[in-house]
Amino acid sequence: MSDKLLRILAVSILIFVGLNASVAGVLFLMDTIGALIGLSTEYIKYSPFSNYLIPGLTLLVLIGLFSLYSAYATMKKKARYPYLILAEGVLLGGWILIQMWMVKDVNWLHVLMLTFALLLLLLGNRLRTFKV
């Protein structure tokens, strides 16, 4: 597979994840009890959080905005962009694994995001081998 096709796939995943995480993060910040997103604080009862303020801020910055920045850097072939893709794969995978552990739940969205995290790790690793 060419580096251009790999970059297109990585950018597509990064934008999808980034936009969704940014919207969810903003909604959590606007309504820290989770009603705007269809959740309640009951969902996080096993976590160290009493509301969605800190998770929302973390989701917005580390997953949302960082994914979008990584997509931009990849489109522009900025220096060391494969490492940004790898970093987002690690952040997304870690976020989802910690979330599943804290909320004691696994759903289709967790599985989808873990799949995206794995794909980002594979794509970032493969793109490291092309001349950057």
Protein backbone atom coordinates (compact mmCIF):
# COMPACT_ATOMS: atom_id res chain seq x y z
CA MET A 1 0.00 0.00 0.00
CA SER A 2 1.36 3.43 -0.89
CA ASP A 3 2.18 6.03 1.74
CA LYS A 4 -0.48 8.31 0.22
CA LEU A 5 -3.21 5.71 0.72
CA LEU A 6 -2.01 5.00 4.26
CA ARG A 7 -2.06 8.73 5.05
CA ILE A 8 -5.59 9.08 3.62
CA LEU A 9 -6.79 6.22 5.82
CA ALA A 10 -5.05 7.66 8.90
CA VAL A 11 -6.44 11.15 8.25
CA SER A 12 -9.95 9.73 7.79
CA ILE A 13 -9.80 7.91 11.12
CA LEU A 14 -8.23 10.88 12.91
CA ILE A 15 -10.89 13.28 11.63
CA PHE A 16 -13.74 10.92 12.48
CA VAL A 17 -12.40 10.32 16.00
CA GLY A 18 -11.42 13.96 16.47
CA LEU A 19 -14.79 15.41 15.49
CA ASN A 20 -16.77 12.90 17.53
CA ALA A 21 -14.57 13.31 20.61
CA SER A 22 -14.62 17.11 20.31
CA VAL A 23 -18.41 17.24 20.09
CA ALA A 24 -18.81 14.80 23.00
CA GLY A 25 -16.23 16.69 25.07
CA VAL A 26 -17.98 20.02 24.50
CA LEU A 27 -21.36 18.48 25.34
CA PHE A 28 -19.93 17.10 28.59
CA LEU A 29 -18.51 20.52 29.44
CA MET A 30 -21.85 22.19 28.68
CA ASP A 31 -23.74 19.66 30.82
CA THR A 32 -21.50 17.93 33.34
CA ILE A 33 -24.21 15.48 34.42
CA GLY A 34 -24.26 13.96 30.93
CA ALA A 35 -27.92 14.48 29.97
CA LEU A 36 -27.07 16.20 26.68
CA ILE A 37 -25.27 13.08 25.53
CA GLY A 38 -27.85 10.65 26.91
CA LEU A 39 -25.91 9.54 29.98
CA SER A 40 -26.25 10.06 33.69
CA THR A 41 -23.72 10.22 36.48
CA GLU A 42 -24.83 6.69 37.38
CA TYR A 43 -22.68 5.49 34.44
CA ILE A 44 -19.51 6.76 36.16
CA LYS A 45 -20.43 5.66 39.69
CA TYR A 46 -17.40 3.32 39.89
CA SER A 47 -15.00 5.97 38.62
CA PRO A 48 -13.29 8.64 40.72
CA PHE A 49 -15.50 11.30 39.07
CA SER A 50 -18.82 12.63 40.34
CA ASN A 51 -19.58 14.37 37.02
CA TYR A 52 -18.26 14.60 33.45
CA LEU A 53 -16.23 17.81 33.77
CA ILE A 54 -12.75 16.23 33.91
CA PRO A 55 -13.60 13.37 31.51
CA GLY A 56 -15.15 15.88 29.10
CA LEU A 57 -12.13 18.18 29.19
CA THR A 58 -9.77 15.24 28.74
CA LEU A 59 -11.86 13.86 25.88
CA LEU A 60 -11.95 17.23 24.14
CA VAL A 61 -8.22 17.95 24.40
CA LEU A 62 -6.42 14.59 24.29
CA ILE A 63 -8.69 12.73 21.92
CA GLY A 64 -10.61 15.43 20.02
CA LEU A 65 -8.21 18.30 19.43
CA PHE A 66 -5.07 16.15 19.34
CA SER A 67 -6.67 13.86 16.72
CA LEU A 68 -7.58 16.86 14.58
CA TYR A 69 -4.09 18.33 14.92
CA SER A 70 -2.59 14.95 14.01
CA ALA A 71 -4.83 14.78 10.93
CA TYR A 72 -3.69 18.25 9.88
CA ALA A 73 -0.02 17.38 10.44
CA THR A 74 -0.46 14.18 8.42
CA MET A 75 -2.17 15.99 5.54
CA LYS A 76 0.63 18.55 5.45
CA LYS A 77 3.30 15.85 5.96
CA LYS A 78 4.71 17.82 8.88
CA ALA A 79 7.91 16.58 10.45
CA ARG A 80 7.48 13.33 12.34
CA TYR A 81 3.72 13.07 11.62
CA PRO A 82 3.79 9.24 11.90
CA TYR A 83 4.69 9.68 15.58
CA LEU A 84 1.61 11.87 16.08
CA ILE A 85 -0.51 9.09 14.58
CA LEU A 86 1.15 6.57 16.91
CA ALA A 87 0.65 8.87 19.91
CA GLU A 88 -3.05 9.27 19.12
CA GLY A 89 -3.39 5.50 18.79
CA VAL A 90 -1.88 5.09 22.25
CA LEU A 91 -4.01 7.89 23.75
CA LEU A 92 -7.24 6.61 22.21
CA GLY A 93 -6.57 2.99 23.15
CA GLY A 94 -5.56 3.95 26.68
CA TRP A 95 -8.58 6.23 27.06
CA ILE A 96 -10.99 3.48 26.02
CA LEU A 97 -9.35 0.74 28.12
CA ILE A 98 -9.36 2.96 31.22
CA GLN A 99 -12.94 4.01 30.51
CA MET A 100 -14.11 0.40 30.22
CA TRP A 101 -12.35 -0.45 33.48
CA MET A 102 -13.81 2.55 35.30
CA VAL A 103 -17.40 2.19 34.12
CA LYS A 104 -17.41 -1.63 34.18
CA ASP A 105 -18.96 -1.74 30.73
CA VAL A 106 -18.05 -2.74 27.18
CA ASN A 107 -20.23 -1.60 24.28
CA TRP A 108 -20.02 -1.34 20.50
CA LEU A 109 -18.51 2.15 20.66
CA HIS A 110 -15.65 0.88 22.86
CA VAL A 111 -14.94 -1.90 20.38
CA LEU A 112 -15.06 0.52 17.43
CA MET A 113 -12.70 3.01 19.09
CA LEU A 114 -10.28 0.26 20.14
CA THR A 115 -10.27 -0.91 16.52
CA PHE A 116 -9.47 2.64 15.40
CA ALA A 117 -6.71 2.87 18.02
CA LEU A 118 -5.16 -0.35 16.73
CA LEU A 119 -5.42 0.85 13.13
CA LEU A 120 -3.74 4.14 14.05
CA LEU A 121 -0.90 2.21 15.69
CA LEU A 122 -0.47 0.03 12.62
CA LEU A 123 -0.69 2.96 10.20
CA GLY A 124 1.66 5.17 12.20
CA ASN A 125 4.17 2.35 12.46
CA ARG A 126 3.99 1.61 8.74
CA LEU A 127 4.30 5.28 7.79
CA ARG A 128 7.48 5.53 9.89
CA THR A 129 9.16 3.28 7.34
CA PHE A 130 8.48 5.66 4.43
CA LYS A 131 10.76 8.62 3.90
CA VAL A 132 9.21 11.39 6.00
